[in-house]
């Protein structure tokens, strides 16, 4: 019997369900505490890279889409015609 199978079997037992309920209620109580919420937010910001560079602003979870550009292509100066594509 694999480890995962043992976990599944325990979770389905009366003792396992009781343990899961106890842990769940404890986790919910901890999540309601403002101090714990602040700690969690701090860790989440660190994981997002908010403290890198000292900006203090949290990085977005998903980066904004950026148009791909070629570093070798530069626009012509104002007033000059655009060269034909190669």
PDB file of N, CA and C in Angstrom:
ATOM      1  N   UNK A   1       0.847  -1.173   0.000  1.00  0.00           N
ATOM      2  CA  UNK A   1       0.000   0.000   0.000  1.00  0.00           C
ATOM      3  C   UNK A   1       0.892   1.235   0.000  1.00  0.00           C
ATOM      4  N   UNK A   2       0.654   2.162  -0.952  1.00  0.00           N
ATOM      5  CA  UNK A   2       1.480   3.362  -1.058  1.00  0.00           C
ATOM      6  C   UNK A   2       1.125   4.351   0.056  1.00  0.00           C
ATOM      7  N   UNK A   3       1.975   5.316   0.213  1.00  0.00           N
ATOM      8  CA  UNK A   3       1.772   6.333   1.234  1.00  0.00           C
ATOM      9  C   UNK A   3       0.468   7.091   0.988  1.00  0.00           C
ATOM     10  N   UNK A   4       0.222   7.442  -0.273  1.00  0.00           N
ATOM     11  CA  UNK A   4      -1.003   8.173  -0.622  1.00  0.00           C
ATOM     12  C   UNK A   4      -2.236   7.334  -0.303  1.00  0.00           C
ATOM     13  N   UNK A   5      -2.176   6.052  -0.594  1.00  0.00           N
ATOM     14  CA  UNK A   5      -3.297   5.164  -0.283  1.00  0.00           C
ATOM     15  C   UNK A   5      -3.554   5.107   1.225  1.00  0.00           C
ATOM     16  N   UNK A   6      -2.480   5.098   1.998  1.00  0.00           N
ATOM     17  CA  UNK A   6      -2.616   5.092   3.452  1.00  0.00           C
ATOM     18  C   UNK A   6      -3.262   6.387   3.939  1.00  0.00           C
ATOM     19  N   UNK A   7      -2.847   7.511   3.338  1.00  0.00           N
ATOM     20  CA  UNK A   7      -3.451   8.790   3.713  1.00  0.00           C
ATOM     21  C   UNK A   7      -4.940   8.820   3.381  1.00  0.00           C
ATOM     22  N   UNK A   8      -5.282   8.339   2.196  1.00  0.00           N
ATOM     23  CA  UNK A   8      -6.686   8.306   1.788  1.00  0.00           C
ATOM     24  C   UNK A   8      -7.506   7.441   2.741  1.00  0.00           C
ATOM     25  N   UNK A   9      -6.963   6.284   3.095  1.00  0.00           N
ATOM     26  CA  UNK A   9      -7.655   5.372   3.994  1.00  0.00           C
ATOM     27  C   UNK A   9      -7.865   6.010   5.366  1.00  0.00           C
ATOM     28  N   UNK A  10      -6.834   6.687   5.871  1.00  0.00           N
ATOM     29  CA  UNK A  10      -6.938   7.345   7.177  1.00  0.00           C
ATOM     30  C   UNK A  10      -7.966   8.473   7.119  1.00  0.00           C
ATOM     31  N   UNK A  11      -7.942   9.251   6.035  1.00  0.00           N
ATOM     32  CA  UNK A  11      -8.867  10.382   5.911  1.00  0.00           C
ATOM     33  C   UNK A  11     -10.318   9.917   5.875  1.00  0.00           C
ATOM     34  N   UNK A  12     -10.558   8.721   5.381  1.00  0.00           N
ATOM     35  CA  UNK A  12     -11.922   8.191   5.293  1.00  0.00           C
ATOM     36  C   UNK A  12     -12.386   7.547   6.598  1.00  0.00           C
ATOM     37  N   UNK A  13     -11.448   7.261   7.491  1.00  0.00           N
ATOM     38  CA  UNK A  13     -11.813   6.623   8.754  1.00  0.00           C
ATOM     39  C   UNK A  13     -12.441   7.651   9.694  1.00  0.00           C
ATOM     40  N   UNK A  14     -13.116   7.162  10.745  1.00  0.00           N
ATOM     41  CA  UNK A  14     -13.741   8.044  11.733  1.00  0.00           C
ATOM     42  C   UNK A  14     -12.696   8.905  12.429  1.00  0.00           C
ATOM     43  N   UNK A  15     -11.579   8.294  12.793  1.00  0.00           N
ATOM     44  CA  UNK A  15     -10.511   9.033  13.464  1.00  0.00           C
ATOM     45  C   UNK A  15      -9.927  10.099  12.535  1.00  0.00           C
ATOM     46  N   UNK A  16      -9.740   9.758  11.259  1.00  0.00           N
ATOM     47  CA  UNK A  16      -9.204  10.706  10.288  1.00  0.00           C
ATOM     48  C   UNK A  16     -10.135  11.879  10.062  1.00  0.00           C
ATOM     49  N   UNK A  17     -11.431  11.611   9.948  1.00  0.00           N
ATOM     50  CA  UNK A  17     -12.402  12.689   9.761  1.00  0.00           C
ATOM     51  C   UNK A  17     -12.410  13.617  10.973  1.00  0.00           C
ATOM     52  N   UNK A  18     -12.278  13.044  12.170  1.00  0.00           N
ATOM     53  CA  UNK A  18     -12.249  13.856  13.389  1.00  0.00           C
ATOM     54  C   UNK A  18     -10.999  14.749  13.393  1.00  0.00           C
ATOM     55  N   UNK A  19      -9.863  14.181  13.023  1.00  0.00           N
ATOM     56  CA  UNK A  19      -8.615  14.944  12.974  1.00  0.00           C
ATOM     57  C   UNK A  19      -8.714  16.074  11.954  1.00  0.00           C
ATOM     58  N   UNK A  20      -9.270  15.766  10.785  1.00  0.00           N
ATOM     59  CA  UNK A  20      -9.415  16.785   9.741  1.00  0.00           C
ATOM     60  C   UNK A  20     -10.313  17.916  10.226  1.00  0.00           C
ATOM     61  N   UNK A  21     -11.387  17.583  10.907  1.00  0.00           N
ATOM     62  CA  UNK A  21     -12.297  18.606  11.425  1.00  0.00           C
ATOM     63  C   UNK A  21     -11.597  19.490  12.452  1.00  0.00           C
ATOM     64  N   UNK A  22     -10.795  18.883  13.346  1.00  0.00           N
ATOM     65  CA  UNK A  22     -10.081  19.646  14.366  1.00  0.00           C
ATOM     66  C   UNK A  22      -9.065  20.592  13.730  1.00  0.00           C
ATOM     67  N   UNK A  23      -8.327  20.082  12.768  1.00  0.00           N
ATOM     68  CA  UNK A  23      -7.306  20.897  12.100  1.00  0.00           C
ATOM     69  C   UNK A  23      -7.967  22.021  11.307  1.00  0.00           C
ATOM     70  N   UNK A  24      -9.067  21.709  10.657  1.00  0.00           N
ATOM     71  CA  UNK A  24      -9.778  22.707   9.862  1.00  0.00           C
ATOM     72  C   UNK A  24     -10.305  23.840  10.734  1.00  0.00           C
ATOM     73  N   UNK A  25     -10.917  23.501  11.875  1.00  0.00           N
ATOM     74  CA  UNK A  25     -11.447  24.552  12.749  1.00  0.00           C
ATOM     75  C   UNK A  25     -10.321  25.390  13.348  1.00  0.00           C
ATOM     76  N   UNK A  26      -9.207  24.767  13.670  1.00  0.00           N
ATOM     77  CA  UNK A  26      -8.049  25.498  14.194  1.00  0.00           C
ATOM     78  C   UNK A  26      -7.508  26.455  13.126  1.00  0.00           C
ATOM     79  N   UNK A  27      -7.398  25.988  11.877  1.00  0.00           N
ATOM     80  CA  UNK A  27      -6.898  26.826  10.785  1.00  0.00           C
ATOM     81  C   UNK A  27      -7.827  28.009  10.536  1.00  0.00           C
ATOM     82  N   UNK A  28      -9.138  27.786  10.609  1.00  0.00           N
ATOM     83  CA  UNK A  28     -10.089  28.872  10.406  1.00  0.00           C
ATOM     84  C   UNK A  28      -9.976  29.913  11.510  1.00  0.00           C
ATOM     85  N   UNK A  29      -9.779  29.458  12.742  1.00  0.00           N
ATOM     86  CA  UNK A  29      -9.625  30.389  13.864  1.00  0.00           C
ATOM     87  C   UNK A  29      -8.356  31.216  13.701  1.00  0.00           C
ATOM     88  N   UNK A  30      -7.270  30.581  13.284  1.00  0.00           N
ATOM     89  CA  UNK A  30      -6.015  31.302  13.080  1.00  0.00           C
ATOM     90  C   UNK A  30      -6.136  32.301  11.934  1.00  0.00           C
ATOM     91  N   UNK A  31      -6.875  31.946  10.900  1.00  0.00           N
ATOM     92  CA  UNK A  31      -7.027  32.822   9.743  1.00  0.00           C
ATOM     93  C   UNK A  31      -7.822  34.082  10.073  1.00  0.00           C
ATOM     94  N   UNK A  32      -8.655  34.031  11.086  1.00  0.00           N
ATOM     95  CA  UNK A  32      -9.456  35.192  11.471  1.00  0.00           C
ATOM     96  C   UNK A  32      -8.657  36.207  12.289  1.00  0.00           C
ATOM     97  N   UNK A  33      -7.535  35.811  12.851  1.00  0.00           N
ATOM     98  CA  UNK A  33      -6.725  36.693  13.689  1.00  0.00           C
ATOM     99  C   UNK A  33      -6.010  37.727  12.816  1.00  0.00           C
ATOM    100  N   UNK A  34      -6.199  39.031  13.081  1.00  0.00           N
ATOM    101  CA  UNK A  34      -5.564  40.071  12.263  1.00  0.00           C
ATOM    102  C   UNK A  34      -4.035  39.987  12.239  1.00  0.00           C
ATOM    103  N   UNK A  35      -3.425  39.581  13.342  1.00  0.00           N
ATOM    104  CA  UNK A  35      -1.961  39.454  13.370  1.00  0.00           C
ATOM    105  C   UNK A  35      -1.499  38.378  12.397  1.00  0.00           C
ATOM    106  N   UNK A  36      -2.210  37.259  12.388  1.00  0.00           N
ATOM    107  CA  UNK A  36      -1.843  36.185  11.471  1.00  0.00           C
ATOM    108  C   UNK A  36      -2.087  36.591  10.021  1.00  0.00           C
ATOM    109  N   UNK A  37      -3.157  37.346   9.785  1.00  0.00           N
ATOM    110  CA  UNK A  37      -3.433  37.830   8.429  1.00  0.00           C
ATOM    111  C   UNK A  37      -2.304  38.742   7.955  1.00  0.00           C
ATOM    112  N   UNK A  38      -1.807  39.601   8.849  1.00  0.00           N
ATOM    113  CA  UNK A  38      -0.711  40.504   8.495  1.00  0.00           C
ATOM    114  C   UNK A  38       0.556  39.716   8.168  1.00  0.00           C
ATOM    115  N   UNK A  39       0.832  38.688   8.963  1.00  0.00           N
ATOM    116  CA  UNK A  39       1.997  37.840   8.700  1.00  0.00           C
ATOM    117  C   UNK A  39       1.868  37.148   7.351  1.00  0.00           C
ATOM    118  N   UNK A  40       0.670  36.651   7.073  1.00  0.00           N
ATOM    119  CA  UNK A  40       0.433  35.972   5.813  1.00  0.00           C
ATOM    120  C   UNK A  40       0.614  36.923   4.639  1.00  0.00           C
ATOM    121  N   UNK A  41       0.116  38.130   4.764  1.00  0.00           N
ATOM    122  CA  UNK A  41       0.265  39.132   3.698  1.00  0.00           C
ATOM    123  C   UNK A  41       1.736  39.466   3.477  1.00  0.00           C
ATOM    124  N   UNK A  42       2.491  39.564   4.571  1.00  0.00           N
ATOM    125  CA  UNK A  42       3.923  39.853   4.464  1.00  0.00           C
ATOM    126  C   UNK A  42       4.649  38.740   3.705  1.00  0.00           C
ATOM    127  N   UNK A  43       4.332  37.503   4.040  1.00  0.00           N
ATOM    128  CA  UNK A  43       4.960  36.369   3.361  1.00  0.00           C
ATOM    129  C   UNK A  43       4.556  36.351   1.886  1.00  0.00           C
ATOM    130  N   UNK A  44       3.277  36.600   1.618  1.00  0.00           N
ATOM    131  CA  UNK A  44       2.808  36.604   0.231  1.00  0.00           C
ATOM    132  C   UNK A  44       3.513  37.686  -0.571  1.00  0.00           C
ATOM    133  N   UNK A  45       3.683  38.858   0.014  1.00  0.00           N
ATOM    134  CA  UNK A  45       4.396  39.941  -0.672  1.00  0.00           C
ATOM    135  C   UNK A  45       5.840  39.571  -0.924  1.00  0.00           C
ATOM    136  N   UNK A  46       6.475  38.919   0.047  1.00  0.00           N
ATOM    137  CA  UNK A  46       7.857  38.490  -0.146  1.00  0.00           C
ATOM    138  C   UNK A  46       7.961  37.491  -1.294  1.00  0.00           C
ATOM    139  N   UNK A  47       7.014  36.570  -1.344  1.00  0.00           N
ATOM    140  CA  UNK A  47       7.029  35.577  -2.414  1.00  0.00           C
ATOM    141  C   UNK A  47       6.793  36.220  -3.776  1.00  0.00           C
ATOM    142  N   UNK A  48       6.014  37.290  -3.804  1.00  0.00           N
ATOM    143  CA  UNK A  48       5.761  38.001  -5.058  1.00  0.00           C
ATOM    144  C   UNK A  48       6.926  38.902  -5.443  1.00  0.00           C
ATOM    145  N   UNK A  49       7.883  39.091  -4.543  1.00  0.00           N
ATOM    146  CA  UNK A  49       9.031  39.926  -4.848  1.00  0.00           C
ATOM    147  C   UNK A  49       8.840  41.378  -4.456  1.00  0.00           C
ATOM    148  N   UNK A  50       7.888  41.662  -3.586  1.00  0.00           N
ATOM    149  CA  UNK A  50       7.592  43.041  -3.225  1.00  0.00           C
ATOM    150  C   UNK A  50       8.732  43.694  -2.463  1.00  0.00           C
ATOM    151  N   UNK A  51       9.511  42.935  -1.714  1.00  0.00           N
ATOM    152  CA  UNK A  51      10.561  43.553  -0.915  1.00  0.00           C
ATOM    153  C   UNK A  51      11.852  43.696  -1.707  1.00  0.00           C
ATOM    154  N   UNK A  52      11.933  43.112  -2.889  1.00  0.00           N
ATOM    155  CA  UNK A  52      13.127  43.293  -3.712  1.00  0.00           C
ATOM    156  C   UNK A  52      13.154  44.729  -4.200  1.00  0.00           C
ATOM    157  N   UNK A  53      14.228  45.421  -3.982  1.00  0.00           N
ATOM    158  CA  UNK A  53      14.349  46.787  -4.435  1.00  0.00           C
ATOM    159  C   UNK A  53      13.770  47.806  -3.476  1.00  0.00           C
ATOM    160  N   UNK A  54      13.091  47.373  -2.448  1.00  0.00           N
ATOM    161  CA  UNK A  54      12.588  48.286  -1.441  1.00  0.00           C
ATOM    162  C   UNK A  54      11.435  49.156  -1.881  1.00  0.00           C
ATOM    163  N   UNK A  55      10.760  48.792  -2.965  1.00  0.00           N
ATOM    164  CA  UNK A  55       9.652  49.605  -3.437  1.00  0.00           C
ATOM    165  C   UNK A  55       8.456  49.548  -2.518  1.00  0.00           C
ATOM    166  N   UNK A  56       8.273  48.452  -1.817  1.00  0.00           N
ATOM    167  CA  UNK A  56       7.161  48.330  -0.905  1.00  0.00           C
ATOM    168  C   UNK A  56       5.840  48.041  -1.580  1.00  0.00           C
ATOM    169  N   UNK A  57       5.816  48.021  -2.892  1.00  0.00           N
ATOM    170  CA  UNK A  57       4.583  47.760  -3.618  1.00  0.00           C
ATOM    171  C   UNK A  57       4.609  46.317  -4.096  1.00  0.00           C
ATOM    172  N   UNK A  58       3.534  45.594  -3.857  1.00  0.00           N
ATOM    173  CA  UNK A  58       3.485  44.186  -4.220  1.00  0.00           C
ATOM    174  C   UNK A  58       3.496  44.031  -5.728  1.00  0.00           C
ATOM    175  N   UNK A  59       4.261  43.066  -6.184  1.00  0.00           N
ATOM    176  CA  UNK A  59       4.282  42.749  -7.607  1.00  0.00           C
ATOM    177  C   UNK A  59       3.005  42.017  -7.969  1.00  0.00           C
ATOM    178  N   UNK A  60       2.506  42.214  -9.183  1.00  0.00           N
ATOM    179  CA  UNK A  60       1.276  41.517  -9.571  1.00  0.00           C
ATOM    180  C   UNK A  60       1.523  40.018  -9.680  1.00  0.00           C
ATOM    181  N   UNK A  61       0.466  39.240  -9.438  1.00  0.00           N
ATOM    182  CA  UNK A  61       0.593  37.797  -9.558  1.00  0.00           C
ATOM    183  C   UNK A  61       0.798  37.378 -11.008  1.00  0.00           C
ATOM    184  N   UNK A  62       0.175  38.116 -11.937  1.00  0.00           N
ATOM    185  CA  UNK A  62       0.311  37.819 -13.351  1.00  0.00           C
ATOM    186  C   UNK A  62       0.878  39.063 -14.012  1.00  0.00           C
ATOM    187  N   UNK A  63       1.945  38.882 -14.775  1.00  0.00           N
ATOM    188  CA  UNK A  63       2.575  40.014 -15.434  1.00  0.00           C
ATOM    189  C   UNK A  63       1.674  40.571 -16.526  1.00  0.00           C
ATOM    190  N   UNK A  64       1.762  41.883 -16.735  1.00  0.00           N
ATOM    191  CA  UNK A  64       1.021  42.507 -17.816  1.00  0.00           C
ATOM    192  C   UNK A  64       1.608  42.055 -19.145  1.00  0.00           C
ATOM    193  N   UNK A  65       0.765  41.826 -20.152  1.00  0.00           N
ATOM    194  CA  UNK A  65       1.305  41.417 -21.441  1.00  0.00           C
ATOM    195  C   UNK A  65       2.113  42.556 -22.058  1.00  0.00           C
ATOM    196  N   UNK A  66       3.207  42.210 -22.681  1.00  0.00           N
ATOM    197  CA  UNK A  66       4.099  43.180 -23.291  1.00  0.00           C
ATOM    198  C   UNK A  66       4.220  42.839 -24.764  1.00  0.00           C
ATOM    199  N   UNK A  67       4.143  43.861 -25.593  1.00  0.00           N
ATOM    200  CA  UNK A  67       4.306  43.654 -27.023  1.00  0.00           C
ATOM    201  C   UNK A  67       5.753  43.258 -27.296  1.00  0.00           C
ATOM    202  N   UNK A  68       5.968  42.188 -28.066  1.00  0.00           N
ATOM    203  CA  UNK A  68       7.342  41.812 -28.383  1.00  0.00           C
ATOM    204  C   UNK A  68       7.961  42.821 -29.337  1.00  0.00           C
ATOM    205  N   UNK A  69       9.188  43.182 -29.066  1.00  0.00           N
ATOM    206  CA  UNK A  69       9.904  44.112 -29.932  1.00  0.00           C
ATOM    207  C   UNK A  69      11.261  43.529 -30.256  1.00  0.00           C
ATOM    208  N   UNK A  70      11.792  43.953 -31.349  1.00  0.00           N
ATOM    209  CA  UNK A  70      13.123  43.521 -31.756  1.00  0.00           C
ATOM    210  C   UNK A  70      14.109  44.610 -31.357  1.00  0.00           C
ATOM    211  N   UNK A  71      15.186  44.275 -30.660  1.00  0.00           N
ATOM    212  CA  UNK A  71      16.123  45.305 -30.222  1.00  0.00           C
ATOM    213  C   UNK A  71      16.879  45.939 -31.387  1.00  0.00           C
ATOM    214  N   UNK A  72      16.962  45.273 -32.559  1.00  0.00           N
ATOM    215  CA  UNK A  72      17.723  45.812 -33.679  1.00  0.00           C
ATOM    216  C   UNK A  72      16.900  46.770 -34.535  1.00  0.00           C
ATOM    217  N   UNK A  73      15.589  46.844 -34.312  1.00  0.00           N
ATOM    218  CA  UNK A  73      14.738  47.714 -35.116  1.00  0.00           C
ATOM    219  C   UNK A  73      14.469  48.988 -34.335  1.00  0.00           C
ATOM    220  N   UNK A  74      14.853  50.113 -34.936  1.00  0.00           N
ATOM    221  CA  UNK A  74      14.576  51.400 -34.315  1.00  0.00           C
ATOM    222  C   UNK A  74      13.736  52.220 -35.291  1.00  0.00           C
ATOM    223  N   UNK A  75      12.806  52.993 -34.793  1.00  0.00           N
ATOM    224  CA  UNK A  75      11.987  53.795 -35.707  1.00  0.00           C
ATOM    225  C   UNK A  75      12.822  54.905 -36.338  1.00  0.00           C
ATOM    226  N   UNK A  76      12.458  55.321 -37.527  1.00  0.00           N
ATOM    227  CA  UNK A  76      13.213  56.407 -38.172  1.00  0.00           C
ATOM    228  C   UNK A  76      12.941  57.725 -37.449  1.00  0.00           C
ATOM    229  N   UNK A  77      13.850  58.668 -37.579  1.00  0.00           N
ATOM    230  CA  UNK A  77      13.618  59.982 -36.966  1.00  0.00           C
ATOM    231  C   UNK A  77      12.377  60.632 -37.569  1.00  0.00           C
ATOM    232  N   UNK A  78      11.752  61.552 -36.833  1.00  0.00           N
ATOM    233  CA  UNK A  78      10.554  62.215 -37.360  1.00  0.00           C
ATOM    234  C   UNK A  78      10.852  62.920 -38.683  1.00  0.00           C
ATOM    235  N   UNK A  79       9.933  62.766 -39.619  1.00  0.00           N
ATOM    236  CA  UNK A  79      10.085  63.417 -40.915  1.00  0.00           C
ATOM    237  C   UNK A  79      10.720  62.529 -41.976  1.00  0.00           C
ATOM    238  N   UNK A  80      11.386  61.451 -41.601  1.00  0.00           N
ATOM    239  CA  UNK A  80      11.998  60.553 -42.581  1.00  0.00           C
ATOM    240  C   UNK A  80      11.013  59.429 -42.916  1.00  0.00           C
ATOM    241  N   UNK A  81      11.040  58.951 -44.154  1.00  0.00           N
ATOM    242  CA  UNK A  81      10.117  57.876 -44.523  1.00  0.00           C
ATOM    243  C   UNK A  81      10.523  56.564 -43.846  1.00  0.00           C
ATOM    244  N   UNK A  82       9.517  55.739 -43.603  1.00  0.00           N
ATOM    245  CA  UNK A  82       9.759  54.425 -43.011  1.00  0.00           C
ATOM    246  C   UNK A  82      10.361  53.508 -44.064  1.00  0.00           C
ATOM    247  N   UNK A  83      11.471  52.830 -43.748  1.00  0.00           N
ATOM    248  CA  UNK A  83      12.077  51.931 -44.752  1.00  0.00           C
ATOM    249  C   UNK A  83      11.168  50.726 -44.991  1.00  0.00           C
ATOM    250  N   UNK A  84      11.236  50.165 -46.216  1.00  0.00           N
ATOM    251  CA  UNK A  84      10.412  48.996 -46.503  1.00  0.00           C
ATOM    252  C   UNK A  84      10.854  47.784 -45.676  1.00  0.00           C
ATOM    253  N   UNK A  85       9.936  46.873 -45.376  1.00  0.00           N
ATOM    254  CA  UNK A  85      10.328  45.688 -44.601  1.00  0.00           C
ATOM    255  C   UNK A  85      11.290  44.801 -45.396  1.00  0.00           C
ATOM    256  N   UNK A  86      12.161  44.126 -44.689  1.00  0.00           N
ATOM    257  CA  UNK A  86      13.137  43.241 -45.349  1.00  0.00           C
ATOM    258  C   UNK A  86      12.665  41.817 -45.379  1.00  0.00           C
TER     259      UNK A  86
END
